[in-house]
């Protein structure tokens, strides 16, 4: 892991202790430094909670196993087939992810299978055809001696540790997190990475440990 990290620090301008500490804290929280891929094996209730409702999981009512009611008095279902075709999607990652990621992030329709093909992979869950293409372009520009096509071979982000690691560097760079990390504000960095403050306490604790180890 250390070799893979060191290989990309300069290319992605993570060239100060503050930037490195924040990067390690965030990636540690997101993946525990394991090259992972999105599972997609959900129970009926869980898939509806995560993917089913307009406004996200907080709009799901577990007691009713349905979305909260909208102004029209009807459940605010975003993906109604998770109710009407439950057996097709529950505990079936390929079908579920092909459906919930269809026509998003550069993916084709449900029948194309792009949602499953370009499911989250790597240390920080790169997701969607557009992001795999952008990572391909970025990698090839920064590594002219190692041309790859992650759209054609998305599993490289799991099977090859160096690409799993680099995908996290790419994600960090694409979201322009370095200037935020320079402020040394873990809450702001978390928002830049996560779009919210999920797991903030753990990210803060990881950052403190990393800074202590750096001395």
N, C-alpha and C. Protein backbone atom coordinates (compact mmCIF):
# COMPACT_ATOMS: atom_id res chain seq x y z
N UNK A 1 0.83 -1.20 0.00
CA UNK A 1 0.00 0.00 0.00
C UNK A 1 0.86 1.26 0.00
N UNK A 2 1.93 1.25 0.82
CA UNK A 2 2.79 2.44 0.91
C UNK A 2 3.41 2.77 -0.44
N UNK A 3 3.85 1.75 -1.17
CA UNK A 3 4.45 1.99 -2.48
C UNK A 3 3.43 2.60 -3.44
N UNK A 4 2.20 2.08 -3.41
CA UNK A 4 1.16 2.61 -4.29
C UNK A 4 0.84 4.06 -3.95
N UNK A 5 0.78 4.37 -2.66
CA UNK A 5 0.53 5.76 -2.25
C UNK A 5 1.66 6.67 -2.71
N UNK A 6 2.89 6.26 -2.45
CA UNK A 6 4.04 7.10 -2.79
C UNK A 6 4.15 7.34 -4.29
N UNK A 7 3.66 6.40 -5.08
CA UNK A 7 3.79 6.51 -6.53
C UNK A 7 3.01 7.69 -7.11
N UNK A 8 1.97 8.14 -6.39
CA UNK A 8 1.08 9.14 -6.97
C UNK A 8 1.03 10.45 -6.21
N UNK A 9 1.76 10.58 -5.12
CA UNK A 9 1.68 11.79 -4.31
C UNK A 9 2.04 13.04 -5.11
N UNK A 10 3.14 13.00 -5.82
CA UNK A 10 3.57 14.18 -6.57
C UNK A 10 2.65 14.46 -7.75
N UNK A 11 2.22 13.41 -8.45
CA UNK A 11 1.38 13.60 -9.63
C UNK A 11 0.07 14.31 -9.28
N UNK A 12 -0.42 14.08 -8.07
CA UNK A 12 -1.69 14.69 -7.66
C UNK A 12 -1.49 15.78 -6.61
N UNK A 13 -0.26 16.27 -6.51
CA UNK A 13 0.07 17.45 -5.69
C UNK A 13 -0.31 17.30 -4.23
N UNK A 14 -0.28 16.09 -3.72
CA UNK A 14 -0.44 15.90 -2.27
C UNK A 14 0.97 15.92 -1.70
N UNK A 15 1.49 17.14 -1.59
CA UNK A 15 2.92 17.34 -1.38
C UNK A 15 3.25 18.11 -0.11
N UNK A 16 2.29 18.16 0.81
CA UNK A 16 2.56 18.71 2.14
C UNK A 16 2.03 17.73 3.18
N UNK A 17 2.55 17.82 4.38
CA UNK A 17 2.08 16.92 5.44
C UNK A 17 0.60 17.14 5.75
N UNK A 18 0.14 18.38 5.66
CA UNK A 18 -1.27 18.65 5.94
C UNK A 18 -2.17 17.99 4.91
N UNK A 19 -1.82 18.13 3.64
CA UNK A 19 -2.62 17.49 2.59
C UNK A 19 -2.60 15.97 2.75
N UNK A 20 -1.42 15.43 3.01
CA UNK A 20 -1.30 13.98 3.14
C UNK A 20 -2.09 13.46 4.33
N UNK A 21 -2.01 14.16 5.45
CA UNK A 21 -2.74 13.72 6.65
C UNK A 21 -4.24 13.70 6.39
N UNK A 22 -4.75 14.73 5.75
CA UNK A 22 -6.19 14.77 5.47
C UNK A 22 -6.58 13.70 4.45
N UNK A 23 -5.75 13.50 3.45
CA UNK A 23 -6.04 12.47 2.46
C UNK A 23 -6.12 11.10 3.12
N UNK A 24 -5.13 10.78 3.94
CA UNK A 24 -5.11 9.47 4.59
C UNK A 24 -6.29 9.29 5.55
N UNK A 25 -6.64 10.35 6.26
CA UNK A 25 -7.76 10.26 7.19
C UNK A 25 -9.07 10.01 6.45
N UNK A 26 -9.27 10.71 5.36
CA UNK A 26 -10.52 10.56 4.61
C UNK A 26 -10.60 9.20 3.93
N UNK A 27 -9.52 8.78 3.29
CA UNK A 27 -9.54 7.50 2.59
C UNK A 27 -9.62 6.36 3.60
N UNK A 28 -8.95 6.52 4.73
CA UNK A 28 -9.04 5.51 5.78
C UNK A 28 -10.47 5.31 6.24
N UNK A 29 -11.19 6.41 6.41
CA UNK A 29 -12.59 6.30 6.83
C UNK A 29 -13.44 5.66 5.73
N UNK A 30 -13.23 6.06 4.50
CA UNK A 30 -14.08 5.59 3.41
C UNK A 30 -13.89 4.11 3.11
N UNK A 31 -12.67 3.60 3.25
CA UNK A 31 -12.40 2.24 2.77
C UNK A 31 -11.52 1.40 3.68
N UNK A 32 -10.98 1.99 4.75
CA UNK A 32 -9.98 1.29 5.58
C UNK A 32 -8.82 0.79 4.73
N UNK A 33 -8.54 1.52 3.64
CA UNK A 33 -7.42 1.22 2.74
C UNK A 33 -7.55 -0.16 2.10
N UNK A 34 -8.78 -0.58 1.85
CA UNK A 34 -9.00 -1.83 1.12
C UNK A 34 -9.63 -1.50 -0.23
N UNK A 35 -9.15 -2.20 -1.26
CA UNK A 35 -9.73 -2.04 -2.60
C UNK A 35 -11.06 -2.78 -2.62
N UNK A 36 -12.13 -2.05 -2.60
CA UNK A 36 -13.45 -2.67 -2.47
C UNK A 36 -14.31 -2.33 -3.68
N UNK A 37 -15.39 -3.09 -3.82
CA UNK A 37 -16.38 -2.76 -4.85
C UNK A 37 -17.76 -2.79 -4.21
N UNK A 38 -18.64 -2.01 -4.78
CA UNK A 38 -20.00 -1.91 -4.27
C UNK A 38 -20.67 -3.27 -4.32
N UNK A 39 -21.33 -3.63 -3.23
CA UNK A 39 -21.91 -4.96 -3.12
C UNK A 39 -23.22 -5.06 -3.88
N UNK A 40 -24.19 -4.26 -3.50
CA UNK A 40 -25.48 -4.28 -4.18
C UNK A 40 -26.40 -5.41 -3.78
N UNK A 41 -26.01 -6.20 -2.77
CA UNK A 41 -26.85 -7.31 -2.31
C UNK A 41 -27.71 -6.83 -1.14
N UNK A 42 -28.90 -6.33 -1.44
CA UNK A 42 -29.76 -5.70 -0.44
C UNK A 42 -31.03 -6.51 -0.21
N UNK A 43 -31.49 -6.50 1.02
CA UNK A 43 -32.81 -7.04 1.33
C UNK A 43 -33.87 -6.11 0.73
N UNK A 44 -35.11 -6.57 0.63
CA UNK A 44 -36.15 -5.71 0.06
C UNK A 44 -36.28 -4.37 0.76
N UNK A 45 -36.35 -4.39 2.09
CA UNK A 45 -36.52 -3.14 2.82
C UNK A 45 -35.32 -2.23 2.69
N UNK A 46 -34.13 -2.81 2.76
CA UNK A 46 -32.92 -2.00 2.70
C UNK A 46 -32.75 -1.36 1.33
N UNK A 47 -33.03 -2.09 0.25
CA UNK A 47 -32.87 -1.48 -1.08
C UNK A 47 -33.85 -0.32 -1.26
N UNK A 48 -35.05 -0.46 -0.69
CA UNK A 48 -36.01 0.62 -0.81
C UNK A 48 -35.58 1.83 0.01
N UNK A 49 -34.99 1.56 1.18
CA UNK A 49 -34.51 2.66 2.01
C UNK A 49 -33.38 3.43 1.33
N UNK A 50 -32.43 2.71 0.77
CA UNK A 50 -31.24 3.34 0.19
C UNK A 50 -31.55 4.02 -1.14
N UNK A 51 -32.33 3.37 -1.98
CA UNK A 51 -32.49 3.83 -3.36
C UNK A 51 -33.91 4.26 -3.74
N UNK A 52 -34.89 4.00 -2.89
CA UNK A 52 -36.26 4.07 -3.35
C UNK A 52 -36.96 5.40 -3.31
N UNK A 53 -36.54 6.31 -2.43
CA UNK A 53 -37.37 7.49 -2.14
C UNK A 53 -36.74 8.79 -2.65
N UNK A 54 -37.59 9.69 -3.09
CA UNK A 54 -37.13 11.03 -3.41
C UNK A 54 -36.66 11.71 -2.13
N UNK A 55 -35.48 12.32 -2.19
CA UNK A 55 -34.93 12.95 -1.00
C UNK A 55 -34.00 12.07 -0.21
N UNK A 56 -33.83 10.81 -0.65
CA UNK A 56 -32.85 9.95 -0.01
C UNK A 56 -33.39 9.09 1.11
N UNK A 57 -32.50 8.34 1.76
CA UNK A 57 -32.90 7.37 2.79
C UNK A 57 -33.70 7.96 3.94
N UNK A 58 -33.47 9.23 4.26
CA UNK A 58 -34.20 9.83 5.38
C UNK A 58 -35.69 9.96 5.10
N UNK A 59 -36.08 9.80 3.83
CA UNK A 59 -37.50 9.90 3.47
C UNK A 59 -38.21 8.55 3.50
N UNK A 60 -37.51 7.53 3.94
CA UNK A 60 -38.09 6.18 4.01
C UNK A 60 -38.64 5.95 5.41
N UNK A 61 -39.84 5.41 5.48
CA UNK A 61 -40.50 5.10 6.76
C UNK A 61 -40.48 3.59 6.96
N UNK A 62 -39.61 3.07 7.84
CA UNK A 62 -39.49 1.62 7.99
C UNK A 62 -40.75 0.96 8.53
N UNK A 63 -41.53 1.68 9.29
CA UNK A 63 -42.76 1.08 9.83
C UNK A 63 -43.77 0.78 8.73
N UNK A 64 -43.79 1.63 7.72
CA UNK A 64 -44.70 1.43 6.58
C UNK A 64 -44.03 0.73 5.42
N UNK A 65 -42.72 0.56 5.49
CA UNK A 65 -41.94 0.05 4.37
C UNK A 65 -42.27 0.83 3.10
N UNK A 66 -42.28 2.14 3.25
CA UNK A 66 -42.61 2.98 2.10
C UNK A 66 -42.03 4.37 2.34
N UNK A 67 -42.07 5.18 1.30
CA UNK A 67 -41.57 6.55 1.42
C UNK A 67 -42.59 7.41 2.16
N UNK A 68 -42.09 8.48 2.73
CA UNK A 68 -43.00 9.44 3.35
C UNK A 68 -43.92 10.05 2.30
N UNK A 69 -45.03 10.57 2.76
CA UNK A 69 -46.02 11.11 1.84
C UNK A 69 -45.63 12.51 1.37
N UNK A 70 -45.91 12.76 0.09
CA UNK A 70 -45.66 14.08 -0.47
C UNK A 70 -46.87 14.98 -0.33
N UNK A 71 -46.79 16.19 -0.89
CA UNK A 71 -47.91 17.14 -0.81
C UNK A 71 -49.21 16.60 -1.40
N UNK A 72 -49.09 15.66 -2.34
CA UNK A 72 -50.30 15.09 -2.96
C UNK A 72 -50.86 13.92 -2.17
N UNK A 73 -50.24 13.62 -1.03
CA UNK A 73 -50.72 12.53 -0.20
C UNK A 73 -50.24 11.16 -0.63
N UNK A 74 -49.37 11.11 -1.65
CA UNK A 74 -48.85 9.84 -2.15
C UNK A 74 -47.40 9.65 -1.70
N UNK A 75 -46.97 8.38 -1.53
CA UNK A 75 -45.57 8.13 -1.18
C UNK A 75 -44.62 8.72 -2.23
N UNK A 76 -43.55 9.33 -1.76
CA UNK A 76 -42.59 9.98 -2.67
C UNK A 76 -41.59 8.96 -3.21
N UNK A 77 -42.11 8.02 -3.98
CA UNK A 77 -41.25 6.97 -4.55
C UNK A 77 -40.47 7.50 -5.73
N UNK A 78 -39.16 7.27 -5.70
CA UNK A 78 -38.29 7.63 -6.82
C UNK A 78 -38.16 6.48 -7.80
N UNK A 79 -38.09 5.26 -7.26
CA UNK A 79 -37.91 4.06 -8.09
C UNK A 79 -38.98 3.04 -7.72
N UNK A 80 -40.16 3.20 -8.29
CA UNK A 80 -41.31 2.37 -7.87
C UNK A 80 -41.13 0.88 -8.11
N UNK A 81 -40.26 0.50 -9.06
CA UNK A 81 -40.11 -0.93 -9.32
C UNK A 81 -39.48 -1.68 -8.15
N UNK A 82 -38.87 -0.95 -7.21
CA UNK A 82 -38.34 -1.62 -6.02
C UNK A 82 -39.47 -2.16 -5.15
N UNK A 83 -40.66 -1.67 -5.36
CA UNK A 83 -41.85 -2.21 -4.70
C UNK A 83 -42.59 -3.18 -5.61
N UNK A 84 -42.83 -2.76 -6.84
CA UNK A 84 -43.68 -3.57 -7.73
C UNK A 84 -42.97 -4.80 -8.27
N UNK A 85 -41.63 -4.76 -8.37
CA UNK A 85 -40.85 -5.89 -8.88
C UNK A 85 -39.78 -6.29 -7.88
N UNK A 86 -40.18 -6.37 -6.63
CA UNK A 86 -39.23 -6.65 -5.54
C UNK A 86 -38.35 -7.86 -5.82
N UNK A 87 -38.93 -8.96 -6.28
CA UNK A 87 -38.18 -10.20 -6.47
C UNK A 87 -37.09 -10.07 -7.53
N UNK A 88 -37.27 -9.13 -8.45
CA UNK A 88 -36.28 -8.93 -9.52
C UNK A 88 -35.01 -8.27 -9.01
N UNK A 89 -35.14 -7.47 -7.94
CA UNK A 89 -34.02 -6.64 -7.50
C UNK A 89 -33.44 -7.01 -6.14
N UNK A 90 -34.24 -7.53 -5.24
CA UNK A 90 -33.73 -7.86 -3.91
C UNK A 90 -32.72 -9.01 -4.01
N UNK A 91 -31.58 -8.84 -3.34
CA UNK A 91 -30.52 -9.86 -3.33
C UNK A 91 -30.03 -10.19 -4.75
N UNK A 92 -30.12 -9.23 -5.65
CA UNK A 92 -29.64 -9.41 -7.02
C UNK A 92 -28.85 -8.17 -7.42
N UNK A 93 -27.56 -8.12 -7.09
CA UNK A 93 -26.77 -6.90 -7.33
C UNK A 93 -26.78 -6.45 -8.79
N UNK A 94 -26.69 -7.39 -9.72
CA UNK A 94 -26.62 -6.99 -11.12
C UNK A 94 -27.90 -6.27 -11.55
N UNK A 95 -29.03 -6.84 -11.22
CA UNK A 95 -30.29 -6.20 -11.60
C UNK A 95 -30.51 -4.88 -10.87
N UNK A 96 -30.22 -4.89 -9.57
CA UNK A 96 -30.48 -3.69 -8.77
C UNK A 96 -29.63 -2.51 -9.22
N UNK A 97 -28.33 -2.71 -9.35
CA UNK A 97 -27.46 -1.59 -9.69
C UNK A 97 -27.67 -1.15 -11.14
N UNK A 98 -28.02 -2.08 -12.01
CA UNK A 98 -28.34 -1.69 -13.39
C UNK A 98 -29.56 -0.77 -13.42
N UNK A 99 -30.48 -0.99 -12.49
CA UNK A 99 -31.69 -0.16 -12.41
C UNK A 99 -31.43 1.18 -11.75
N UNK A 100 -30.83 1.16 -10.56
CA UNK A 100 -30.75 2.41 -9.79
C UNK A 100 -29.73 3.39 -10.37
N UNK A 101 -28.75 2.90 -11.12
CA UNK A 101 -27.77 3.80 -11.73
C UNK A 101 -28.03 4.04 -13.22
N UNK A 102 -29.15 3.57 -13.73
CA UNK A 102 -29.46 3.75 -15.15
C UNK A 102 -29.65 5.22 -15.48
N UNK A 103 -29.15 5.61 -16.66
CA UNK A 103 -29.33 6.97 -17.19
C UNK A 103 -28.81 8.03 -16.23
N UNK A 104 -27.78 7.69 -15.50
CA UNK A 104 -27.10 8.62 -14.59
C UNK A 104 -25.60 8.44 -14.77
N UNK A 105 -24.85 9.49 -14.49
CA UNK A 105 -23.38 9.39 -14.46
C UNK A 105 -22.82 8.86 -15.78
N UNK A 106 -23.53 9.13 -16.87
CA UNK A 106 -23.07 8.68 -18.18
C UNK A 106 -23.45 7.26 -18.52
N UNK A 107 -24.19 6.58 -17.65
CA UNK A 107 -24.61 5.21 -17.91
C UNK A 107 -25.75 5.17 -18.92
N UNK A 108 -25.86 4.02 -19.60
CA UNK A 108 -26.99 3.78 -20.47
C UNK A 108 -28.23 3.40 -19.67
N UNK A 109 -29.23 2.89 -20.37
CA UNK A 109 -30.47 2.53 -19.70
C UNK A 109 -30.30 1.24 -18.90
N UNK A 110 -31.36 0.84 -18.24
CA UNK A 110 -31.28 -0.34 -17.37
C UNK A 110 -30.82 -1.57 -18.14
N UNK A 111 -31.34 -1.76 -19.34
CA UNK A 111 -31.01 -2.94 -20.13
C UNK A 111 -29.54 -2.99 -20.52
N UNK A 112 -28.88 -1.84 -20.58
CA UNK A 112 -27.46 -1.82 -20.96
C UNK A 112 -26.56 -2.48 -19.93
N UNK A 113 -27.01 -2.52 -18.68
CA UNK A 113 -26.18 -3.08 -17.61
C UNK A 113 -25.07 -2.18 -17.14
N UNK A 114 -25.03 -0.94 -17.65
CA UNK A 114 -23.94 -0.04 -17.26
C UNK A 114 -23.92 0.25 -15.76
N UNK A 115 -25.10 0.34 -15.16
CA UNK A 115 -25.14 0.65 -13.73
C UNK A 115 -24.38 -0.37 -12.90
N UNK A 116 -24.50 -1.63 -13.27
CA UNK A 116 -23.74 -2.68 -12.57
C UNK A 116 -22.30 -2.70 -13.04
N UNK A 117 -22.09 -2.56 -14.34
CA UNK A 117 -20.73 -2.62 -14.89
C UNK A 117 -19.84 -1.52 -14.29
N UNK A 118 -20.40 -0.34 -14.09
CA UNK A 118 -19.62 0.78 -13.56
C UNK A 118 -20.05 1.11 -12.13
N UNK A 119 -20.27 0.05 -11.35
CA UNK A 119 -20.58 0.21 -9.93
C UNK A 119 -19.36 0.73 -9.19
N UNK A 120 -19.56 1.12 -7.95
CA UNK A 120 -18.47 1.70 -7.18
C UNK A 120 -17.32 0.73 -6.97
N UNK A 121 -16.11 1.20 -7.26
CA UNK A 121 -14.90 0.40 -7.06
C UNK A 121 -13.78 1.31 -6.58
N UNK A 122 -12.76 0.67 -5.99
CA UNK A 122 -11.57 1.39 -5.57
C UNK A 122 -11.63 1.80 -4.12
N UNK A 123 -10.66 2.61 -3.69
CA UNK A 123 -10.60 3.02 -2.30
C UNK A 123 -11.68 4.02 -1.94
N UNK A 124 -12.30 4.65 -2.93
CA UNK A 124 -13.31 5.65 -2.60
C UNK A 124 -14.53 5.54 -3.52
N UNK A 125 -14.72 4.33 -4.08
CA UNK A 125 -15.95 4.00 -4.80
C UNK A 125 -16.22 4.90 -6.00
N UNK A 126 -15.33 4.84 -6.98
CA UNK A 126 -15.57 5.51 -8.25
C UNK A 126 -16.77 4.86 -8.93
N UNK A 127 -17.75 5.66 -9.33
CA UNK A 127 -19.03 5.12 -9.80
C UNK A 127 -19.48 5.84 -11.07
N UNK A 128 -19.96 5.07 -12.05
CA UNK A 128 -20.55 5.64 -13.26
C UNK A 128 -19.58 5.69 -14.43
N UNK A 129 -20.11 5.45 -15.62
CA UNK A 129 -19.28 5.41 -16.82
C UNK A 129 -18.49 6.70 -17.03
N UNK A 130 -19.14 7.85 -16.82
CA UNK A 130 -18.44 9.12 -17.02
C UNK A 130 -17.22 9.23 -16.12
N UNK A 131 -17.34 8.78 -14.88
CA UNK A 131 -16.22 8.87 -13.96
C UNK A 131 -15.11 7.89 -14.32
N UNK A 132 -15.47 6.71 -14.81
CA UNK A 132 -14.45 5.77 -15.28
C UNK A 132 -13.71 6.34 -16.49
N UNK A 133 -14.45 7.00 -17.39
CA UNK A 133 -13.80 7.62 -18.55
C UNK A 133 -12.90 8.77 -18.12
N UNK A 134 -13.38 9.60 -17.20
CA UNK A 134 -12.57 10.72 -16.75
C UNK A 134 -11.31 10.24 -16.04
N UNK A 135 -11.44 9.17 -15.26
CA UNK A 135 -10.27 8.61 -14.60
C UNK A 135 -9.30 8.04 -15.63
N UNK A 136 -9.82 7.39 -16.65
CA UNK A 136 -8.96 6.88 -17.73
C UNK A 136 -8.17 8.02 -18.36
N UNK A 137 -8.85 9.11 -18.70
CA UNK A 137 -8.18 10.24 -19.34
C UNK A 137 -7.12 10.84 -18.42
N UNK A 138 -7.46 10.99 -17.15
CA UNK A 138 -6.52 11.57 -16.19
C UNK A 138 -5.31 10.66 -16.00
N UNK A 139 -5.56 9.38 -15.81
CA UNK A 139 -4.46 8.43 -15.62
C UNK A 139 -3.52 8.44 -16.82
N UNK A 140 -4.07 8.37 -18.02
CA UNK A 140 -3.23 8.30 -19.21
C UNK A 140 -2.44 9.58 -19.44
N UNK A 141 -3.01 10.72 -19.03
CA UNK A 141 -2.29 11.99 -19.16
C UNK A 141 -1.13 12.05 -18.17
N UNK A 142 -1.35 11.55 -16.97
CA UNK A 142 -0.32 11.61 -15.94
C UNK A 142 0.66 10.44 -16.02
N UNK A 143 0.28 9.38 -16.70
CA UNK A 143 1.12 8.17 -16.78
C UNK A 143 1.24 7.73 -18.24
N UNK A 144 1.91 8.52 -19.08
CA UNK A 144 1.96 8.18 -20.50
C UNK A 144 2.62 6.84 -20.79
N UNK A 145 3.43 6.36 -19.84
CA UNK A 145 4.09 5.08 -20.03
C UNK A 145 3.19 3.90 -19.68
N UNK A 146 1.99 4.17 -19.17
CA UNK A 146 1.08 3.10 -18.72
C UNK A 146 -0.34 3.43 -19.16
N UNK A 147 -0.60 3.31 -20.45
CA UNK A 147 -1.93 3.63 -20.97
C UNK A 147 -2.93 2.53 -20.61
N UNK A 148 -4.08 2.94 -20.07
CA UNK A 148 -5.11 1.99 -19.66
C UNK A 148 -6.47 2.47 -20.14
N UNK A 149 -7.43 1.55 -20.14
CA UNK A 149 -8.82 1.89 -20.45
C UNK A 149 -9.70 1.29 -19.37
N UNK A 150 -10.04 2.10 -18.37
CA UNK A 150 -10.83 1.61 -17.25
C UNK A 150 -12.31 1.49 -17.60
N UNK A 151 -12.73 2.08 -18.71
CA UNK A 151 -14.09 1.85 -19.19
C UNK A 151 -14.21 0.43 -19.73
N UNK A 152 -13.21 0.01 -20.48
CA UNK A 152 -13.21 -1.35 -21.02
C UNK A 152 -12.90 -2.39 -19.95
N UNK A 153 -12.09 -2.01 -18.96
CA UNK A 153 -11.66 -2.96 -17.92
C UNK A 153 -11.87 -2.37 -16.53
N UNK A 154 -13.11 -2.17 -16.12
CA UNK A 154 -13.36 -1.52 -14.83
C UNK A 154 -12.88 -2.31 -13.62
N UNK A 155 -12.77 -3.64 -13.75
CA UNK A 155 -12.35 -4.45 -12.61
C UNK A 155 -10.90 -4.20 -12.21
N UNK A 156 -10.14 -3.50 -13.04
CA UNK A 156 -8.77 -3.16 -12.67
C UNK A 156 -8.73 -2.34 -11.38
N UNK A 157 -9.79 -1.63 -11.08
CA UNK A 157 -9.82 -0.81 -9.87
C UNK A 157 -9.94 -1.64 -8.60
N UNK A 158 -10.20 -2.93 -8.77
CA UNK A 158 -10.25 -3.84 -7.63
C UNK A 158 -9.08 -4.82 -7.68
N UNK A 159 -8.77 -5.32 -8.87
CA UNK A 159 -7.76 -6.37 -8.98
C UNK A 159 -6.34 -5.84 -8.90
N UNK A 160 -6.13 -4.55 -9.20
CA UNK A 160 -4.79 -3.96 -9.17
C UNK A 160 -4.76 -2.85 -8.13
N UNK A 161 -4.02 -3.08 -7.05
CA UNK A 161 -4.02 -2.15 -5.93
C UNK A 161 -3.60 -0.75 -6.34
N UNK A 162 -2.62 -0.65 -7.23
CA UNK A 162 -2.14 0.68 -7.60
C UNK A 162 -3.24 1.51 -8.26
N UNK A 163 -4.10 0.88 -9.06
CA UNK A 163 -5.19 1.63 -9.69
C UNK A 163 -6.30 1.95 -8.69
N UNK A 164 -6.54 1.04 -7.75
CA UNK A 164 -7.50 1.33 -6.69
C UNK A 164 -7.07 2.56 -5.90
N UNK A 165 -5.78 2.64 -5.62
CA UNK A 165 -5.23 3.79 -4.89
C UNK A 165 -5.30 5.04 -5.75
N UNK A 166 -4.88 4.92 -7.01
CA UNK A 166 -4.87 6.11 -7.86
C UNK A 166 -6.28 6.65 -8.08
N UNK A 167 -7.27 5.78 -8.11
CA UNK A 167 -8.64 6.27 -8.29
C UNK A 167 -9.05 7.18 -7.15
N UNK A 168 -8.52 6.93 -5.94
CA UNK A 168 -8.81 7.82 -4.81
C UNK A 168 -8.10 9.16 -4.99
N UNK A 169 -6.87 9.13 -5.49
CA UNK A 169 -6.16 10.38 -5.80
C UNK A 169 -6.93 11.17 -6.86
N UNK A 170 -7.41 10.46 -7.88
CA UNK A 170 -8.17 11.13 -8.93
C UNK A 170 -9.43 11.78 -8.36
N UNK A 171 -10.15 11.06 -7.52
CA UNK A 171 -11.37 11.59 -6.89
C UNK A 171 -11.05 12.85 -6.11
N UNK A 172 -9.98 12.82 -5.35
CA UNK A 172 -9.54 13.96 -4.54
C UNK A 172 -9.23 15.16 -5.43
N UNK A 173 -8.52 14.89 -6.52
CA UNK A 173 -8.13 15.96 -7.44
C UNK A 173 -9.35 16.52 -8.18
N UNK A 174 -10.24 15.64 -8.62
CA UNK A 174 -11.42 16.07 -9.38
C UNK A 174 -12.32 16.96 -8.54
N UNK A 175 -12.34 16.74 -7.24
CA UNK A 175 -13.16 17.56 -6.34
C UNK A 175 -12.39 18.74 -5.78
N UNK A 176 -11.15 18.90 -6.24
CA UNK A 176 -10.33 20.04 -5.84
C UNK A 176 -10.22 20.15 -4.32
N UNK A 177 -9.89 19.03 -3.68
CA UNK A 177 -9.86 18.99 -2.22
C UNK A 177 -8.57 19.57 -1.65
N UNK A 178 -7.48 19.58 -2.41
CA UNK A 178 -6.22 20.08 -1.85
C UNK A 178 -6.33 21.47 -1.24
N UNK A 179 -6.92 22.46 -1.93
CA UNK A 179 -7.03 23.78 -1.30
C UNK A 179 -7.86 23.77 -0.02
N UNK A 180 -8.84 22.89 0.04
CA UNK A 180 -9.64 22.77 1.26
C UNK A 180 -8.79 22.16 2.38
N UNK A 181 -8.02 21.14 2.03
CA UNK A 181 -7.14 20.52 3.03
C UNK A 181 -6.12 21.51 3.57
N UNK A 182 -5.71 22.46 2.75
CA UNK A 182 -4.73 23.45 3.20
C UNK A 182 -5.25 24.28 4.36
N UNK A 183 -6.57 24.39 4.50
CA UNK A 183 -7.14 25.14 5.63
C UNK A 183 -7.08 24.34 6.92
N UNK A 184 -6.82 23.05 6.82
CA UNK A 184 -6.70 22.15 7.98
C UNK A 184 -8.00 22.08 8.78
N UNK A 185 -9.12 22.16 8.08
CA UNK A 185 -10.43 22.08 8.72
C UNK A 185 -11.08 20.76 8.30
N UNK A 186 -11.11 19.79 9.21
CA UNK A 186 -11.55 18.45 8.85
C UNK A 186 -13.02 18.43 8.45
N UNK A 187 -13.84 19.29 9.03
CA UNK A 187 -15.25 19.33 8.64
C UNK A 187 -15.41 19.78 7.20
N UNK A 188 -14.66 20.80 6.80
CA UNK A 188 -14.74 21.29 5.42
C UNK A 188 -14.21 20.25 4.44
N UNK A 189 -13.14 19.56 4.82
CA UNK A 189 -12.59 18.51 3.95
C UNK A 189 -13.60 17.38 3.82
N UNK A 190 -14.22 17.01 4.92
CA UNK A 190 -15.23 15.95 4.89
C UNK A 190 -16.37 16.31 3.96
N UNK A 191 -16.82 17.55 4.01
CA UNK A 191 -17.91 17.98 3.13
C UNK A 191 -17.48 17.93 1.67
N UNK A 192 -16.24 18.31 1.39
CA UNK A 192 -15.74 18.28 0.02
C UNK A 192 -15.68 16.85 -0.52
N UNK A 193 -15.37 15.90 0.35
CA UNK A 193 -15.24 14.50 -0.06
C UNK A 193 -16.59 13.81 -0.08
N UNK A 194 -17.38 14.04 0.95
CA UNK A 194 -18.58 13.25 1.22
C UNK A 194 -19.88 13.93 0.79
N UNK A 195 -19.83 15.25 0.62
CA UNK A 195 -21.05 15.98 0.34
C UNK A 195 -21.91 16.18 1.56
N UNK A 196 -21.37 15.84 2.71
CA UNK A 196 -22.05 15.97 4.00
C UNK A 196 -21.02 15.77 5.09
N UNK A 197 -21.48 15.34 6.24
CA UNK A 197 -20.56 15.18 7.37
C UNK A 197 -20.65 13.78 7.97
N UNK A 198 -20.97 12.80 7.14
CA UNK A 198 -21.07 11.43 7.63
C UNK A 198 -19.74 10.96 8.21
N UNK A 199 -19.79 10.38 9.40
CA UNK A 199 -18.58 9.83 10.01
C UNK A 199 -17.57 10.86 10.43
N UNK A 200 -18.00 12.08 10.70
CA UNK A 200 -17.06 13.15 11.00
C UNK A 200 -16.19 12.83 12.21
N UNK A 201 -16.77 12.26 13.26
CA UNK A 201 -15.99 11.97 14.47
C UNK A 201 -14.87 10.98 14.17
N UNK A 202 -15.15 9.97 13.37
CA UNK A 202 -14.11 9.00 13.01
C UNK A 202 -13.03 9.65 12.15
N UNK A 203 -13.42 10.50 11.24
CA UNK A 203 -12.45 11.19 10.39
C UNK A 203 -11.55 12.10 11.24
N UNK A 204 -12.15 12.77 12.23
CA UNK A 204 -11.36 13.62 13.13
C UNK A 204 -10.37 12.78 13.92
N UNK A 205 -10.82 11.65 14.43
CA UNK A 205 -9.94 10.79 15.22
C UNK A 205 -8.80 10.24 14.37
N UNK A 206 -9.12 9.83 13.16
CA UNK A 206 -8.07 9.33 12.26
C UNK A 206 -7.05 10.42 11.95
N UNK A 207 -7.54 11.63 11.71
CA UNK A 207 -6.63 12.73 11.40
C UNK A 207 -5.70 12.99 12.57
N UNK A 208 -6.22 12.98 13.78
CA UNK A 208 -5.39 13.22 14.97
C UNK A 208 -4.32 12.15 15.10
N UNK A 209 -4.68 10.89 14.88
CA UNK A 209 -3.69 9.81 14.98
C UNK A 209 -2.62 9.93 13.91
N UNK A 210 -3.03 10.28 12.71
CA UNK A 210 -2.06 10.41 11.61
C UNK A 210 -1.10 11.56 11.88
N UNK A 211 -1.62 12.68 12.33
CA UNK A 211 -0.75 13.83 12.64
C UNK A 211 0.23 13.48 13.75
N UNK A 212 -0.24 12.75 14.75
CA UNK A 212 0.64 12.35 15.85
C UNK A 212 1.75 11.44 15.35
N UNK A 213 1.41 10.54 14.43
CA UNK A 213 2.41 9.63 13.88
C UNK A 213 3.42 10.37 13.02
N UNK A 214 2.97 11.42 12.34
CA UNK A 214 3.87 12.20 11.51
C UNK A 214 4.84 13.03 12.35
N UNK A 215 4.42 13.37 13.56
CA UNK A 215 5.28 14.14 14.46
C UNK A 215 5.24 15.63 14.20
